[in-house]
C-alpha atoms as a PDB file:
ATOM      1  CA  MET A   1     -21.902  14.937  -4.815  1.00  0.00           C
ATOM      2  CA  SER A   2     -23.381  17.900  -7.040  1.00  0.00           C
ATOM      3  CA  SER A   3     -20.229  18.671  -8.661  1.00  0.00           C
ATOM      4  CA  LEU A   4     -20.311  14.977  -9.997  1.00  0.00           C
ATOM      5  CA  ALA A   5     -23.857  14.826 -11.050  1.00  0.00           C
ATOM      6  CA  ASN A   6     -22.744  14.604 -14.709  1.00  0.00           C
ATOM      7  CA  PRO A   7     -21.217  10.946 -15.690  1.00  0.00           C
ATOM      8  CA  ARG A   8     -18.781  12.836 -17.933  1.00  0.00           C
ATOM      9  CA  ASP A   9     -17.415  14.577 -14.727  1.00  0.00           C
ATOM     10  CA  VAL A  10     -16.812  11.316 -13.056  1.00  0.00           C
ATOM     11  CA  ILE A  11     -14.844   9.298 -15.892  1.00  0.00           C
ATOM     12  CA  ILE A  12     -12.146  11.643 -17.168  1.00  0.00           C
ATOM     13  CA  ARG A  13     -10.467   9.363 -19.573  1.00  0.00           C
ATOM     14  CA  PRO A  14      -9.418   5.758 -20.570  1.00  0.00           C
ATOM     15  CA  ILE A  15      -6.008   4.511 -19.398  1.00  0.00           C
ATOM     16  CA  VAL A  16      -3.977   3.421 -22.568  1.00  0.00           C
ATOM     17  CA  SER A  17      -1.145   1.059 -21.413  1.00  0.00           C
ATOM     18  CA  GLU A  18       0.112  -2.541 -21.930  1.00  0.00           C
ATOM     19  CA  LYS A  19      -1.459  -3.459 -18.517  1.00  0.00           C
ATOM     20  CA  SER A  20      -4.921  -2.112 -19.375  1.00  0.00           C
ATOM     21  CA  TYR A  21      -4.683  -3.747 -23.010  1.00  0.00           C
ATOM     22  CA  ALA A  22      -3.990  -7.149 -21.409  1.00  0.00           C
ATOM     23  CA  GLY A  23      -7.282  -6.834 -19.695  1.00  0.00           C
ATOM     24  CA  LEU A  24      -9.482  -6.178 -22.544  1.00  0.00           C
ATOM     25  CA  ASP A  25      -9.877  -9.675 -23.321  1.00  0.00           C
ATOM     26  CA  ALA A  26     -11.342 -10.519 -19.881  1.00  0.00           C
ATOM     27  CA  ASN A  27     -13.735  -7.560 -20.130  1.00  0.00           C
ATOM     28  CA  ILE A  28     -11.590  -5.388 -17.670  1.00  0.00           C
ATOM     29  CA  TYR A  29     -11.323  -1.566 -18.520  1.00  0.00           C
ATOM     30  CA  THR A  30      -9.268   0.859 -16.813  1.00  0.00           C
ATOM     31  CA  PHE A  31     -10.269   4.760 -16.474  1.00  0.00           C
ATOM     32  CA  GLU A  32      -8.971   7.957 -14.759  1.00  0.00           C
ATOM     33  CA  VAL A  33     -11.700   9.088 -12.762  1.00  0.00           C
ATOM     34  CA  ALA A  34     -12.545  11.978 -10.389  1.00  0.00           C
ATOM     35  CA  ALA A  35     -10.540  12.092  -7.206  1.00  0.00           C
ATOM     36  CA  GLY A  36     -14.000  12.565  -5.327  1.00  0.00           C
ATOM     37  CA  ALA A  37     -15.856   9.808  -7.023  1.00  0.00           C
ATOM     38  CA  ASN A  38     -16.857   6.663  -5.261  1.00  0.00           C
ATOM     39  CA  LYS A  39     -17.449   3.309  -6.603  1.00  0.00           C
ATOM     40  CA  ILE A  40     -21.226   3.554  -6.923  1.00  0.00           C
ATOM     41  CA  GLN A  41     -20.726   6.874  -8.929  1.00  0.00           C
ATOM     42  CA  ILE A  42     -18.198   5.146 -10.978  1.00  0.00           C
ATOM     43  CA  LYS A  43     -20.309   2.039 -11.983  1.00  0.00           C
ATOM     44  CA  GLN A  44     -23.506   4.330 -12.743  1.00  0.00           C
ATOM     45  CA  ALA A  45     -21.269   6.601 -14.984  1.00  0.00           C
ATOM     46  CA  VAL A  46     -19.881   3.799 -16.901  1.00  0.00           C
ATOM     47  CA  GLU A  47     -23.335   2.083 -17.285  1.00  0.00           C
ATOM     48  CA  GLU A  48     -24.861   5.358 -18.556  1.00  0.00           C
ATOM     49  CA  ILE A  49     -21.948   6.652 -20.956  1.00  0.00           C
ATOM     50  CA  PHE A  50     -21.170   3.191 -22.689  1.00  0.00           C
ATOM     51  CA  GLY A  51     -24.500   1.384 -22.024  1.00  0.00           C
ATOM     52  CA  VAL A  52     -22.865  -1.731 -20.506  1.00  0.00           C
ATOM     53  CA  LYS A  53     -23.650  -4.001 -17.322  1.00  0.00           C
ATOM     54  CA  VAL A  54     -20.700  -3.378 -14.838  1.00  0.00           C
ATOM     55  CA  ILE A  55     -20.289  -6.254 -12.309  1.00  0.00           C
ATOM     56  CA  ASN A  56     -17.256  -5.050 -10.437  1.00  0.00           C
ATOM     57  CA  VAL A  57     -15.444  -1.628  -9.694  1.00  0.00           C
ATOM     58  CA  ASN A  58     -11.766  -1.543  -7.963  1.00  0.00           C
ATOM     59  CA  THR A  59     -10.162   1.855  -7.391  1.00  0.00           C
ATOM     60  CA  LEU A  60      -6.692   2.856  -6.580  1.00  0.00           C
ATOM     61  CA  ASN A  61      -4.978   6.284  -5.813  1.00  0.00           C
ATOM     62  CA  ARG A  62      -1.664   6.737  -7.536  1.00  0.00           C
ATOM     63  CA  ALA A  63       0.542   9.513  -6.057  1.00  0.00           C
ATOM     64  CA  GLY A  64       2.248  11.887  -8.501  1.00  0.00           C
ATOM     65  CA  LYS A  65       6.038  11.276  -9.091  1.00  0.00           C
ATOM     66  CA  ARG A  66       8.506  13.827  -8.146  1.00  0.00           C
ATOM     67  CA  LYS A  67      10.401  15.229 -11.179  1.00  0.00           C
ATOM     68  CA  ARG A  68      13.283  17.221 -11.519  1.00  0.00           C
ATOM     69  CA  ASN A  69      13.090  20.236 -14.156  1.00  0.00           C
ATOM     70  CA  ARG A  70      16.267  19.831 -16.422  1.00  0.00           C
ATOM     71  CA  ARG A  71      16.434  23.435 -17.219  1.00  0.00           C
ATOM     72  CA  THR A  72      16.150  25.069 -13.868  1.00  0.00           C
ATOM     73  CA  GLY A  73      17.260  22.237 -11.569  1.00  0.00           C
ATOM     74  CA  THR A  74      14.255  22.654  -9.454  1.00  0.00           C
ATOM     75  CA  TRP A  75      11.976  19.761  -8.440  1.00  0.00           C
ATOM     76  CA  GLY A  76       8.308  19.697  -9.474  1.00  0.00           C
ATOM     77  CA  GLN A  77       5.258  17.304  -8.639  1.00  0.00           C
ATOM     78  CA  ARG A  78       3.127  15.468 -11.248  1.00  0.00           C
ATOM     79  CA  SER A  79      -0.535  15.393 -10.397  1.00  0.00           C
ATOM     80  CA  ASN A  80      -2.108  12.580  -8.464  1.00  0.00           C
ATOM     81  CA  GLN A  81      -4.497  10.167 -10.098  1.00  0.00           C
ATOM     82  CA  LYS A  82      -7.462   8.104  -9.209  1.00  0.00           C
ATOM     83  CA  ARG A  83      -7.941   5.003 -11.346  1.00  0.00           C
ATOM     84  CA  ALA A  84     -10.892   2.526 -11.474  1.00  0.00           C
ATOM     85  CA  ILE A  85     -10.667  -0.796 -12.892  1.00  0.00           C
ATOM     86  CA  VAL A  86     -14.080  -1.768 -14.134  1.00  0.00           C
ATOM     87  CA  SER A  87     -15.060  -5.413 -14.844  1.00  0.00           C
ATOM     88  CA  LEU A  88     -17.989  -6.059 -17.345  1.00  0.00           C
ATOM     89  CA  ALA A  89     -20.502  -8.915 -17.522  1.00  0.00           C
ATOM     90  CA  ALA A  90     -19.870 -11.518 -19.807  1.00  0.00           C
ATOM     91  CA  GLY A  91     -20.645 -10.460 -23.671  1.00  0.00           C
ATOM     92  CA  GLU A  92     -20.394  -6.809 -23.024  1.00  0.00           C
ATOM     93  CA  SER A  93     -17.534  -4.546 -24.403  1.00  0.00           C
ATOM     94  CA  ILE A  94     -16.627  -0.987 -24.657  1.00  0.00           C
ATOM     95  CA  GLU A  95     -15.305   0.193 -28.053  1.00  0.00           C
ATOM     96  CA  ILE A  96     -13.174   2.805 -26.717  1.00  0.00           C
ATOM     97  CA  PHE A  97      -9.925   1.549 -28.159  1.00  0.00           C
ATOM     98  CA  GLY A  98     -11.286   0.814 -31.538  1.00  0.00           C
ATOM     99  CA  SER A  99     -11.326  -3.007 -30.982  1.00  0.00           C
END
């Protein structure tokens, strides 16, 4: 837990996709988080970084895709991701997407 003491080590980046944009109206935001982070650490990190009230955190682990290298014909592996879907209290918002 000492390696994730800084909230910026827990939250890596926001996820920018059509599906994540669809949740913005409902105060639902998606972030890529550290693989070792738990829901409590994620909640505390979002509240500290953005100054908002988090009411729910869901997490999911995404396996990296197996991709073929066109030049050499060999196979490689994209990195695995852990994502957090964070629900905020009514009236709260995060200005990460410039909205």
